[in-house]
Amino acid sequence: MATSTSKVLRITFENAGGSAVSITLPEPREDLVGSDIEAAMDLIIAKNIFTSAGGDLTAKRDIKIIDTTTNDLYDPPSA
């Protein structure tokens, strides 16, 4: 049994069809600030780096750092 933690950065855009499109990046730097991420998102939109089924990314919608703790409560016996 073990406990593990992980962090991801999830940036969410709006596409031309009005839907949300999320990009999740593992293990973000500890010193990230919102303005740095917003600048990167602006660049992604301006340079049209990604597209989606609903069209080009057109606007920033959300930025989150998600911290997850997993408690493994069962270890199967080894054979």
C-alpha atoms as a PDB file:
ATOM      1  CA  MET A   1       0.000   0.000   0.000  1.00  0.00           C
ATOM      2  CA  ALA A   2       1.312   3.391  -0.926  1.00  0.00           C
ATOM      3  CA  THR A   3       0.372   7.016  -1.282  1.00  0.00           C
ATOM      4  CA  SER A   4       1.394   8.983  -4.341  1.00  0.00           C
ATOM      5  CA  THR A   5       0.866  12.559  -5.412  1.00  0.00           C
ATOM      6  CA  SER A   6       0.931  14.213  -8.799  1.00  0.00           C
ATOM      7  CA  LYS A   7       0.351  17.666 -10.245  1.00  0.00           C
ATOM      8  CA  VAL A   8      -0.822  18.708 -13.682  1.00  0.00           C
ATOM      9  CA  LEU A   9      -1.360  22.043 -15.361  1.00  0.00           C
ATOM     10  CA  ARG A  10      -4.661  22.166 -17.251  1.00  0.00           C
ATOM     11  CA  ILE A  11      -5.183  25.042 -19.669  1.00  0.00           C
ATOM     12  CA  THR A  12      -8.585  25.368 -21.283  1.00  0.00           C
ATOM     13  CA  PHE A  13      -9.418  27.273 -24.447  1.00  0.00           C
ATOM     14  CA  GLU A  14     -12.600  28.015 -26.341  1.00  0.00           C
ATOM     15  CA  ASN A  15     -12.670  26.925 -29.960  1.00  0.00           C
ATOM     16  CA  ALA A  16     -14.432  28.474 -32.966  1.00  0.00           C
ATOM     17  CA  GLY A  17     -17.457  26.237 -32.300  1.00  0.00           C
ATOM     18  CA  GLY A  18     -17.803  27.576 -28.732  1.00  0.00           C
ATOM     19  CA  SER A  19     -16.672  24.353 -27.039  1.00  0.00           C
ATOM     20  CA  ALA A  20     -14.002  23.934 -24.378  1.00  0.00           C
ATOM     21  CA  VAL A  21     -10.683  22.350 -25.359  1.00  0.00           C
ATOM     22  CA  SER A  22      -8.289  21.364 -22.565  1.00  0.00           C
ATOM     23  CA  ILE A  23      -4.582  20.625 -22.725  1.00  0.00           C
ATOM     24  CA  THR A  24      -3.060  18.898 -19.701  1.00  0.00           C
ATOM     25  CA  LEU A  25       0.665  19.068 -18.979  1.00  0.00           C
ATOM     26  CA  PRO A  26       2.291  16.917 -16.268  1.00  0.00           C
ATOM     27  CA  GLU A  27       4.534  18.183 -13.460  1.00  0.00           C
ATOM     28  CA  PRO A  28       4.342  21.976 -13.890  1.00  0.00           C
ATOM     29  CA  ARG A  29       7.174  24.076 -12.490  1.00  0.00           C
ATOM     30  CA  GLU A  30       6.616  25.287  -8.932  1.00  0.00           C
ATOM     31  CA  ASP A  31       7.369  28.915  -9.865  1.00  0.00           C
ATOM     32  CA  LEU A  32       4.669  29.245 -12.566  1.00  0.00           C
ATOM     33  CA  VAL A  33       2.404  32.277 -12.284  1.00  0.00           C
ATOM     34  CA  GLY A  34      -0.852  32.998 -14.053  1.00  0.00           C
ATOM     35  CA  SER A  35       0.573  35.783 -16.205  1.00  0.00           C
ATOM     36  CA  ASP A  36       3.245  33.464 -17.658  1.00  0.00           C
ATOM     37  CA  ILE A  37       0.648  30.854 -18.544  1.00  0.00           C
ATOM     38  CA  GLU A  38      -1.699  33.463 -20.019  1.00  0.00           C
ATOM     39  CA  ALA A  39       1.122  34.743 -22.228  1.00  0.00           C
ATOM     40  CA  ALA A  40       1.786  31.205 -23.481  1.00  0.00           C
ATOM     41  CA  MET A  41      -1.931  30.708 -24.153  1.00  0.00           C
ATOM     42  CA  ASP A  42      -2.065  34.003 -26.087  1.00  0.00           C
ATOM     43  CA  LEU A  43       0.861  32.789 -28.200  1.00  0.00           C
ATOM     44  CA  ILE A  44      -0.852  29.440 -28.858  1.00  0.00           C
ATOM     45  CA  ILE A  45      -3.956  31.287 -30.070  1.00  0.00           C
ATOM     46  CA  ALA A  46      -2.069  33.918 -32.107  1.00  0.00           C
ATOM     47  CA  LYS A  47       0.163  31.376 -33.882  1.00  0.00           C
ATOM     48  CA  ASN A  48      -2.729  28.922 -34.341  1.00  0.00           C
ATOM     49  CA  ILE A  49      -0.525  26.133 -32.963  1.00  0.00           C
ATOM     50  CA  PHE A  50      -3.375  23.728 -32.181  1.00  0.00           C
ATOM     51  CA  THR A  51      -6.745  23.077 -33.733  1.00  0.00           C
ATOM     52  CA  SER A  52      -9.646  20.947 -32.575  1.00  0.00           C
ATOM     53  CA  ALA A  53     -12.653  19.145 -34.003  1.00  0.00           C
ATOM     54  CA  GLY A  54     -14.626  22.364 -33.388  1.00  0.00           C
ATOM     55  CA  GLY A  55     -12.109  24.557 -35.194  1.00  0.00           C
ATOM     56  CA  ASP A  56      -9.260  26.844 -34.199  1.00  0.00           C
ATOM     57  CA  LEU A  57      -8.681  27.888 -30.604  1.00  0.00           C
ATOM     58  CA  THR A  58     -10.064  31.389 -30.225  1.00  0.00           C
ATOM     59  CA  ALA A  59     -10.005  32.398 -26.536  1.00  0.00           C
ATOM     60  CA  LYS A  60      -8.630  31.529 -23.093  1.00  0.00           C
ATOM     61  CA  ARG A  61     -11.196  29.946 -20.808  1.00  0.00           C
ATOM     62  CA  ASP A  62      -9.422  28.609 -17.685  1.00  0.00           C
ATOM     63  CA  ILE A  63      -6.092  27.763 -16.035  1.00  0.00           C
ATOM     64  CA  LYS A  64      -5.752  25.249 -13.206  1.00  0.00           C
ATOM     65  CA  ILE A  65      -3.006  23.422 -11.395  1.00  0.00           C
ATOM     66  CA  ILE A  66      -4.528  20.182 -10.151  1.00  0.00           C
ATOM     67  CA  ASP A  67      -2.857  18.382  -7.251  1.00  0.00           C
ATOM     68  CA  THR A  68      -3.958  14.755  -6.800  1.00  0.00           C
ATOM     69  CA  THR A  69      -3.224  12.384  -3.940  1.00  0.00           C
ATOM     70  CA  THR A  70      -3.834   8.682  -4.522  1.00  0.00           C
ATOM     71  CA  ASN A  71      -4.040   6.233  -1.612  1.00  0.00           C
ATOM     72  CA  ASP A  72      -3.565   2.658  -2.779  1.00  0.00           C
ATOM     73  CA  LEU A  73      -5.490   0.617  -0.221  1.00  0.00           C
ATOM     74  CA  TYR A  74      -4.861  -2.877  -1.565  1.00  0.00           C
ATOM     75  CA  ASP A  75      -1.793  -4.732  -2.732  1.00  0.00           C
ATOM     76  CA  PRO A  76      -2.646  -8.069  -4.332  1.00  0.00           C
ATOM     77  CA  PRO A  77      -0.658 -11.016  -3.016  1.00  0.00           C
ATOM     78  CA  SER A  78       2.281 -12.001  -5.177  1.00  0.00           C
ATOM     79  CA  ALA A  79       2.223 -15.453  -6.706  1.00  0.00           C
END
